[in-house]
C-alpha cells in the first residue's frame, strides 16, 4: 500500500508530493538541503533514463502540523 500526500503553501510557491512507493526523492530547490554534494547523475523514470540530476544529499522538510521529514539521500534537480 502506497501513501501519497500533496502539500502546498498558501502562496502556491512550494509544492511537495510525497509518495511512499517512489524509489527516489527529487527536490527542485537547494533550500531543503542541509548538505548537498553537486555531481551529475542519471535516474530512471517511468519515461526512461534521464540526466537531470545535479546533486544529492541530506534534505529536511517541515510538513504541515510541524512534522519533520529527513531524507538522507535526496536528489537535486533544478529542472524537476
PDB file of N, CA and C in Angstrom:
ATOM      1  N   UNK A   1       0.836  -1.175   0.000  1.00  0.00           N
ATOM      2  CA  UNK A   1       0.000   0.000   0.000  1.00  0.00           C
ATOM      3  C   UNK A   1       0.877   1.233   0.000  1.00  0.00           C
ATOM      4  N   UNK A   2       0.670   2.141  -0.925  1.00  0.00           N
ATOM      5  CA  UNK A   2       1.464   3.356  -1.044  1.00  0.00           C
ATOM      6  C   UNK A   2       0.735   4.532  -0.404  1.00  0.00           C
ATOM      7  N   UNK A   3       1.518   5.406   0.171  1.00  0.00           N
ATOM      8  CA  UNK A   3       0.984   6.633   0.766  1.00  0.00           C
ATOM      9  C   UNK A   3       1.386   7.793  -0.120  1.00  0.00           C
ATOM     10  N   UNK A   4       0.426   8.597  -0.553  1.00  0.00           N
ATOM     11  CA  UNK A   4       0.706   9.769  -1.365  1.00  0.00           C
ATOM     12  C   UNK A   4       0.060  10.978  -0.709  1.00  0.00           C
ATOM     13  N   UNK A   5       0.869  12.025  -0.502  1.00  0.00           N
ATOM     14  CA  UNK A   5       0.384  13.251   0.126  1.00  0.00           C
ATOM     15  C   UNK A   5       0.849  14.435  -0.707  1.00  0.00           C
ATOM     16  N   UNK A   6      -0.039  15.348  -1.031  1.00  0.00           N
ATOM     17  CA  UNK A   6       0.332  16.576  -1.716  1.00  0.00           C
ATOM     18  C   UNK A   6       0.284  17.741  -0.751  1.00  0.00           C
ATOM     19  N   UNK A   7       1.308  18.583  -0.763  1.00  0.00           N
ATOM     20  CA  UNK A   7       1.380  19.716   0.156  1.00  0.00           C
ATOM     21  C   UNK A   7       1.730  20.970  -0.639  1.00  0.00           C
ATOM     22  N   UNK A   8       1.033  22.058  -0.373  1.00  0.00           N
ATOM     23  CA  UNK A   8       1.357  23.338  -0.995  1.00  0.00           C
ATOM     24  C   UNK A   8       1.182  24.433   0.049  1.00  0.00           C
ATOM     25  N   UNK A   9       1.979  25.492  -0.041  1.00  0.00           N
ATOM     26  CA  UNK A   9       1.824  26.575   0.929  1.00  0.00           C
ATOM     27  C   UNK A   9       0.747  27.546   0.465  1.00  0.00           C
ATOM     28  N   UNK A  10       0.413  28.538   1.281  1.00  0.00           N
ATOM     29  CA  UNK A  10      -0.680  29.458   0.968  1.00  0.00           C
ATOM     30  C   UNK A  10      -0.365  30.375  -0.199  1.00  0.00           C
ATOM     31  N   UNK A  11       0.912  30.553  -0.528  1.00  0.00           N
ATOM     32  CA  UNK A  11       1.292  31.411  -1.656  1.00  0.00           C
ATOM     33  C   UNK A  11       1.492  30.625  -2.945  1.00  0.00           C
ATOM     34  N   UNK A  12       1.211  29.318  -2.894  1.00  0.00           N
ATOM     35  CA  UNK A  12       1.407  28.438  -4.051  1.00  0.00           C
ATOM     36  C   UNK A  12       2.844  28.436  -4.554  1.00  0.00           C
ATOM     37  N   UNK A  13       3.810  28.678  -3.679  1.00  0.00           N
ATOM     38  CA  UNK A  13       5.207  28.693  -4.089  1.00  0.00           C
ATOM     39  C   UNK A  13       5.867  27.329  -3.949  1.00  0.00           C
ATOM     40  N   UNK A  14       5.556  26.596  -2.897  1.00  0.00           N
ATOM     41  CA  UNK A  14       6.171  25.295  -2.671  1.00  0.00           C
ATOM     42  C   UNK A  14       5.122  24.201  -2.818  1.00  0.00           C
ATOM     43  N   UNK A  15       5.476  23.171  -3.537  1.00  0.00           N
ATOM     44  CA  UNK A  15       4.597  22.024  -3.715  1.00  0.00           C
ATOM     45  C   UNK A  15       5.420  20.773  -3.462  1.00  0.00           C
ATOM     46  N   UNK A  16       4.920  19.905  -2.643  1.00  0.00           N
ATOM     47  CA  UNK A  16       5.616  18.666  -2.317  1.00  0.00           C
ATOM     48  C   UNK A  16       4.631  17.517  -2.471  1.00  0.00           C
ATOM     49  N   UNK A  17       4.987  16.554  -3.277  1.00  0.00           N
ATOM     50  CA  UNK A  17       4.181  15.350  -3.445  1.00  0.00           C
ATOM     51  C   UNK A  17       4.975  14.191  -2.845  1.00  0.00           C
ATOM     52  N   UNK A  18       4.484  13.650  -1.749  1.00  0.00           N
ATOM     53  CA  UNK A  18       5.170  12.564  -1.069  1.00  0.00           C
ATOM     54  C   UNK A  18       4.509  11.257  -1.473  1.00  0.00           C
ATOM     55  N   UNK A  19       5.308  10.350  -2.011  1.00  0.00           N
ATOM     56  CA  UNK A  19       4.806   9.064  -2.487  1.00  0.00           C
ATOM     57  C   UNK A  19       5.695   7.967  -1.904  1.00  0.00           C
ATOM     58  N   UNK A  20       5.177   7.181  -1.000  1.00  0.00           N
ATOM     59  CA  UNK A  20       5.977   6.157  -0.334  1.00  0.00           C
ATOM     60  C   UNK A  20       6.374   5.010  -1.273  1.00  0.00           C
ATOM     61  N   UNK A  21       5.789   4.946  -2.447  1.00  0.00           N
ATOM     62  CA  UNK A  21       6.127   3.886  -3.393  1.00  0.00           C
ATOM     63  C   UNK A  21       7.207   4.312  -4.385  1.00  0.00           C
ATOM     64  N   UNK A  22       7.666   5.551  -4.308  1.00  0.00           N
ATOM     65  CA  UNK A  22       8.698   6.008  -5.238  1.00  0.00           C
ATOM     66  C   UNK A  22      10.071   5.508  -4.793  1.00  0.00           C
ATOM     67  N   UNK A  23      10.993   5.400  -5.741  1.00  0.00           N
ATOM     68  CA  UNK A  23      12.340   4.921  -5.428  1.00  0.00           C
ATOM     69  C   UNK A  23      13.316   6.062  -5.178  1.00  0.00           C
ATOM     70  N   UNK A  24      12.959   7.281  -5.590  1.00  0.00           N
ATOM     71  CA  UNK A  24      13.835   8.437  -5.425  1.00  0.00           C
ATOM     72  C   UNK A  24      13.030   9.643  -4.936  1.00  0.00           C
ATOM     73  N   UNK A  25      13.703  10.495  -4.193  1.00  0.00           N
ATOM     74  CA  UNK A  25      13.124  11.788  -3.824  1.00  0.00           C
ATOM     75  C   UNK A  25      13.921  12.845  -4.557  1.00  0.00           C
ATOM     76  N   UNK A  26      13.261  13.590  -5.444  1.00  0.00           N
ATOM     77  CA  UNK A  26      13.934  14.627  -6.232  1.00  0.00           C
ATOM     78  C   UNK A  26      13.350  15.969  -5.824  1.00  0.00           C
ATOM     79  N   UNK A  27      14.229  16.875  -5.393  1.00  0.00           N
ATOM     80  CA  UNK A  27      13.818  18.211  -4.959  1.00  0.00           C
ATOM     81  C   UNK A  27      14.378  19.260  -5.903  1.00  0.00           C
ATOM     82  N   UNK A  28      13.593  20.296  -6.143  1.00  0.00           N
ATOM     83  CA  UNK A  28      13.942  21.323  -7.122  1.00  0.00           C
ATOM     84  C   UNK A  28      14.702  22.505  -6.515  1.00  0.00           C
ATOM     85  N   UNK A  29      14.635  22.683  -5.203  1.00  0.00           N
ATOM     86  CA  UNK A  29      15.212  23.862  -4.560  1.00  0.00           C
ATOM     87  C   UNK A  29      16.288  23.461  -3.561  1.00  0.00           C
ATOM     88  N   UNK A  30      17.434  24.115  -3.629  1.00  0.00           N
ATOM     89  CA  UNK A  30      18.550  23.825  -2.727  1.00  0.00           C
ATOM     90  C   UNK A  30      18.224  24.153  -1.276  1.00  0.00           C
ATOM     91  N   UNK A  31      17.215  24.978  -1.029  1.00  0.00           N
ATOM     92  CA  UNK A  31      16.921  25.409   0.340  1.00  0.00           C
ATOM     93  C   UNK A  31      16.506  24.254   1.259  1.00  0.00           C
ATOM     94  N   UNK A  32      16.104  23.122   0.700  1.00  0.00           N
ATOM     95  CA  UNK A  32      15.681  21.983   1.502  1.00  0.00           C
ATOM     96  C   UNK A  32      16.858  21.128   1.977  1.00  0.00           C
ATOM     97  N   UNK A  33      18.036  21.357   1.441  1.00  0.00           N
ATOM     98  CA  UNK A  33      19.194  20.527   1.748  1.00  0.00           C
ATOM     99  C   UNK A  33      20.026  21.126   2.881  1.00  0.00           C
ATOM    100  N   UNK A  34      20.335  20.300   3.877  1.00  0.00           N
ATOM    101  CA  UNK A  34      21.282  20.710   4.915  1.00  0.00           C
ATOM    102  C   UNK A  34      22.700  20.344   4.481  1.00  0.00           C
ATOM    103  N   UNK A  35      22.825  19.387   3.571  1.00  0.00           N
ATOM    104  CA  UNK A  35      24.097  19.008   2.955  1.00  0.00           C
ATOM    105  C   UNK A  35      23.797  18.622   1.521  1.00  0.00           C
ATOM    106  N   UNK A  36      24.549  19.194   0.576  1.00  0.00           N
ATOM    107  CA  UNK A  36      24.324  18.916  -0.842  1.00  0.00           C
ATOM    108  C   UNK A  36      25.658  18.807  -1.553  1.00  0.00           C
ATOM    109  N   UNK A  37      25.910  17.664  -2.159  1.00  0.00           N
ATOM    110  CA  UNK A  37      27.115  17.457  -2.952  1.00  0.00           C
ATOM    111  C   UNK A  37      26.715  17.540  -4.423  1.00  0.00           C
ATOM    112  N   UNK A  38      27.266  18.518  -5.113  1.00  0.00           N
ATOM    113  CA  UNK A  38      26.927  18.720  -6.521  1.00  0.00           C
ATOM    114  C   UNK A  38      27.703  17.717  -7.381  1.00  0.00           C
ATOM    115  N   UNK A  39      26.967  16.904  -8.133  1.00  0.00           N
ATOM    116  CA  UNK A  39      27.551  15.960  -9.081  1.00  0.00           C
ATOM    117  C   UNK A  39      26.461  15.488 -10.031  1.00  0.00           C
ATOM    118  N   UNK A  40      26.801  15.382 -11.275  1.00  0.00           N
ATOM    119  CA  UNK A  40      25.852  14.941 -12.298  1.00  0.00           C
ATOM    120  C   UNK A  40      25.573  13.453 -12.151  1.00  0.00           C
ATOM    121  N   UNK A  41      24.335  13.072 -12.385  1.00  0.00           N
ATOM    122  CA  UNK A  41      23.942  11.664 -12.341  1.00  0.00           C
ATOM    123  C   UNK A  41      22.698  11.459 -13.184  1.00  0.00           C
ATOM    124  N   UNK A  42      22.447  10.225 -13.521  1.00  0.00           N
ATOM    125  CA  UNK A  42      21.223   9.895 -14.269  1.00  0.00           C
ATOM    126  C   UNK A  42      20.286   9.135 -13.347  1.00  0.00           C
ATOM    127  N   UNK A  43      19.019   9.145 -13.711  1.00  0.00           N
ATOM    128  CA  UNK A  43      17.994   8.449 -12.937  1.00  0.00           C
ATOM    129  C   UNK A  43      16.994   7.841 -13.917  1.00  0.00           C
ATOM    130  N   UNK A  44      16.489   6.670 -13.568  1.00  0.00           N
ATOM    131  CA  UNK A  44      15.469   6.021 -14.396  1.00  0.00           C
ATOM    132  C   UNK A  44      14.096   6.476 -13.936  1.00  0.00           C
ATOM    133  N   UNK A  45      13.278   6.888 -14.886  1.00  0.00           N
ATOM    134  CA  UNK A  45      11.912   7.322 -14.603  1.00  0.00           C
ATOM    135  C   UNK A  45      10.952   6.459 -15.402  1.00  0.00           C
ATOM    136  N   UNK A  46       9.686   6.694 -15.231  1.00  0.00           N
ATOM    137  CA  UNK A  46       8.677   5.966 -15.992  1.00  0.00           C
ATOM    138  C   UNK A  46       8.821   6.226 -17.496  1.00  0.00           C
ATOM    139  N   UNK A  47       9.426   7.376 -17.849  1.00  0.00           N
ATOM    140  CA  UNK A  47       9.635   7.730 -19.255  1.00  0.00           C
ATOM    141  C   UNK A  47      10.977   7.254 -19.790  1.00  0.00           C
ATOM    142  N   UNK A  48      11.792   6.647 -18.949  1.00  0.00           N
ATOM    143  CA  UNK A  48      13.111   6.182 -19.362  1.00  0.00           C
ATOM    144  C   UNK A  48      14.209   6.876 -18.575  1.00  0.00           C
ATOM    145  N   UNK A  49      15.453   6.621 -18.948  1.00  0.00           N
ATOM    146  CA  UNK A  49      16.609   7.176 -18.255  1.00  0.00           C
ATOM    147  C   UNK A  49      16.813   8.644 -18.649  1.00  0.00           C
ATOM    148  N   UNK A  50      17.151   9.488 -17.660  1.00  0.00           N
ATOM    149  CA  UNK A  50      17.366  10.903 -17.915  1.00  0.00           C
ATOM    150  C   UNK A  50      18.546  11.416 -17.094  1.00  0.00           C
ATOM    151  N   UNK A  51      19.195  12.458 -17.563  1.00  0.00           N
ATOM    152  CA  UNK A  51      20.370  13.027 -16.903  1.00  0.00           C
ATOM    153  C   UNK A  51      20.056  14.355 -16.225  1.00  0.00           C
ATOM    154  N   UNK A  52      18.962  14.447 -15.493  1.00  0.00           N
ATOM    155  CA  UNK A  52      18.571  15.718 -14.885  1.00  0.00           C
ATOM    156  C   UNK A  52      19.151  15.935 -13.487  1.00  0.00           C
ATOM    157  N   UNK A  53      19.749  14.911 -12.888  1.00  0.00           N
ATOM    158  CA  UNK A  53      20.235  15.025 -11.511  1.00  0.00           C
ATOM    159  C   UNK A  53      21.527  15.854 -11.475  1.00  0.00           C
ATOM    160  N   UNK A  54      21.528  16.879 -10.609  1.00  0.00           N
ATOM    161  CA  UNK A  54      22.676  17.780 -10.479  1.00  0.00           C
ATOM    162  C   UNK A  54      23.431  17.576  -9.168  1.00  0.00           C
ATOM    163  N   UNK A  55      22.831  16.843  -8.211  1.00  0.00           N
ATOM    164  CA  UNK A  55      23.483  16.610  -6.935  1.00  0.00           C
ATOM    165  C   UNK A  55      22.635  15.747  -6.031  1.00  0.00           C
ATOM    166  N   UNK A  56      23.185  15.446  -4.850  1.00  0.00           N
ATOM    167  CA  UNK A  56      22.442  14.661  -3.866  1.00  0.00           C
ATOM    168  C   UNK A  56      22.931  14.996  -2.470  1.00  0.00           C
ATOM    169  N   UNK A  57      22.105  14.659  -1.487  1.00  0.00           N
ATOM    170  CA  UNK A  57      22.496  14.923  -0.109  1.00  0.00           C
ATOM    171  C   UNK A  57      21.349  14.759   0.865  1.00  0.00           C
ATOM    172  N   UNK A  58      21.529  15.349   2.049  1.00  0.00           N
ATOM    173  CA  UNK A  58      20.542  15.247   3.134  1.00  0.00           C
ATOM    174  C   UNK A  58      19.574  16.425   3.035  1.00  0.00           C
ATOM    175  N   UNK A  59      18.278  16.109   3.026  1.00  0.00           N
ATOM    176  CA  UNK A  59      17.249  17.146   2.928  1.00  0.00           C
ATOM    177  C   UNK A  59      16.326  17.079   4.139  1.00  0.00           C
ATOM    178  N   UNK A  60      15.818  18.230   4.539  1.00  0.00           N
ATOM    179  CA  UNK A  60      14.893  18.327   5.662  1.00  0.00           C
ATOM    180  C   UNK A  60      13.657  19.095   5.220  1.00  0.00           C
ATOM    181  N   UNK A  61      12.487  18.483   5.417  1.00  0.00           N
ATOM    182  CA  UNK A  61      11.225  19.128   5.062  1.00  0.00           C
ATOM    183  C   UNK A  61      10.388  19.291   6.324  1.00  0.00           C
ATOM    184  N   UNK A  62       9.740  20.416   6.451  1.00  0.00           N
ATOM    185  CA  UNK A  62       8.819  20.658   7.552  1.00  0.00           C
ATOM    186  C   UNK A  62       7.411  20.620   6.976  1.00  0.00           C
ATOM    187  N   UNK A  63       6.646  19.618   7.367  1.00  0.00           N
ATOM    188  CA  UNK A  63       5.295  19.434   6.848  1.00  0.00           C
ATOM    189  C   UNK A  63       4.288  20.194   7.696  1.00  0.00           C
ATOM    190  N   UNK A  64       3.089  20.333   7.171  1.00  0.00           N
ATOM    191  CA  UNK A  64       2.007  20.979   7.911  1.00  0.00           C
ATOM    192  C   UNK A  64       1.798  20.255   9.228  1.00  0.00           C
ATOM    193  N   UNK A  65       1.562  20.996  10.279  1.00  0.00           N
ATOM    194  CA  UNK A  65       1.369  20.398  11.598  1.00  0.00           C
ATOM    195  C   UNK A  65       2.671  20.197  12.352  1.00  0.00           C
ATOM    196  N   UNK A  66       3.794  20.606  11.744  1.00  0.00           N
ATOM    197  CA  UNK A  66       5.074  20.541  12.428  1.00  0.00           C
ATOM    198  C   UNK A  66       5.851  19.257  12.275  1.00  0.00           C
ATOM    199  N   UNK A  67       5.383  18.328  11.469  1.00  0.00           N
ATOM    200  CA  UNK A  67       6.104  17.076  11.258  1.00  0.00           C
ATOM    201  C   UNK A  67       7.361  17.331  10.441  1.00  0.00           C
ATOM    202  N   UNK A  68       8.502  16.838  10.930  1.00  0.00           N
ATOM    203  CA  UNK A  68       9.771  16.976  10.215  1.00  0.00           C
ATOM    204  C   UNK A  68      10.067  15.682   9.472  1.00  0.00           C
ATOM    205  N   UNK A  69      10.470  15.824   8.215  1.00  0.00           N
ATOM    206  CA  UNK A  69      10.812  14.690   7.381  1.00  0.00           C
ATOM    207  C   UNK A  69      12.265  14.847   6.967  1.00  0.00           C
ATOM    208  N   UNK A  70      13.111  13.895   7.330  1.00  0.00           N
ATOM    209  CA  UNK A  70      14.529  13.921   6.975  1.00  0.00           C
ATOM    210  C   UNK A  70      14.775  12.850   5.916  1.00  0.00           C
ATOM    211  N   UNK A  71      15.335  13.255   4.788  1.00  0.00           N
ATOM    212  CA  UNK A  71      15.628  12.342   3.686  1.00  0.00           C
ATOM    213  C   UNK A  71      17.149  12.315   3.540  1.00  0.00           C
ATOM    214  N   UNK A  72      17.764  11.183   3.822  1.00  0.00           N
ATOM    215  CA  UNK A  72      19.222  11.112   3.865  1.00  0.00           C
ATOM    216  C   UNK A  72      19.877  11.074   2.490  1.00  0.00           C
ATOM    217  N   UNK A  73      19.177  10.626   1.468  1.00  0.00           N
ATOM    218  CA  UNK A  73      19.762  10.534   0.135  1.00  0.00           C
ATOM    219  C   UNK A  73      18.821  11.141  -0.908  1.00  0.00           C
ATOM    220  N   UNK A  74      18.475  12.405  -0.716  1.00  0.00           N
ATOM    221  CA  UNK A  74      17.609  13.100  -1.674  1.00  0.00           C
ATOM    222  C   UNK A  74      18.423  13.539  -2.879  1.00  0.00           C
ATOM    223  N   UNK A  75      17.769  13.612  -4.018  1.00  0.00           N
ATOM    224  CA  UNK A  75      18.410  14.063  -5.257  1.00  0.00           C
ATOM    225  C   UNK A  75      17.993  15.514  -5.542  1.00  0.00           C
ATOM    226  N   UNK A  76      18.904  16.268  -6.149  1.00  0.00           N
ATOM    227  CA  UNK A  76      18.629  17.655  -6.513  1.00  0.00           C
ATOM    228  C   UNK A  76      18.601  17.811  -8.024  1.00  0.00           C
ATOM    229  N   UNK A  77      17.557  18.463  -8.523  1.00  0.00           N
ATOM    230  CA  UNK A  77      17.445  18.806  -9.937  1.00  0.00           C
ATOM    231  C   UNK A  77      16.671  20.098 -10.069  1.00  0.00           C
ATOM    232  N   UNK A  78      17.304  21.136 -10.576  1.00  0.00           N
ATOM    233  CA  UNK A  78      16.606  22.403 -10.775  1.00  0.00           C
ATOM    234  C   UNK A  78      15.578  22.301 -11.891  1.00  0.00           C
ATOM    235  N   UNK A  79      15.610  21.222 -12.653  1.00  0.00           N
ATOM    236  CA  UNK A  79      14.691  21.021 -13.774  1.00  0.00           C
ATOM    237  C   UNK A  79      13.530  20.085 -13.441  1.00  0.00           C
ATOM    238  N   UNK A  80      13.440  19.644 -12.193  1.00  0.00           N
ATOM    239  CA  UNK A  80      12.387  18.681 -11.844  1.00  0.00           C
ATOM    240  C   UNK A  80      11.050  19.368 -11.652  1.00  0.00           C
TER     241      UNK A  80
END
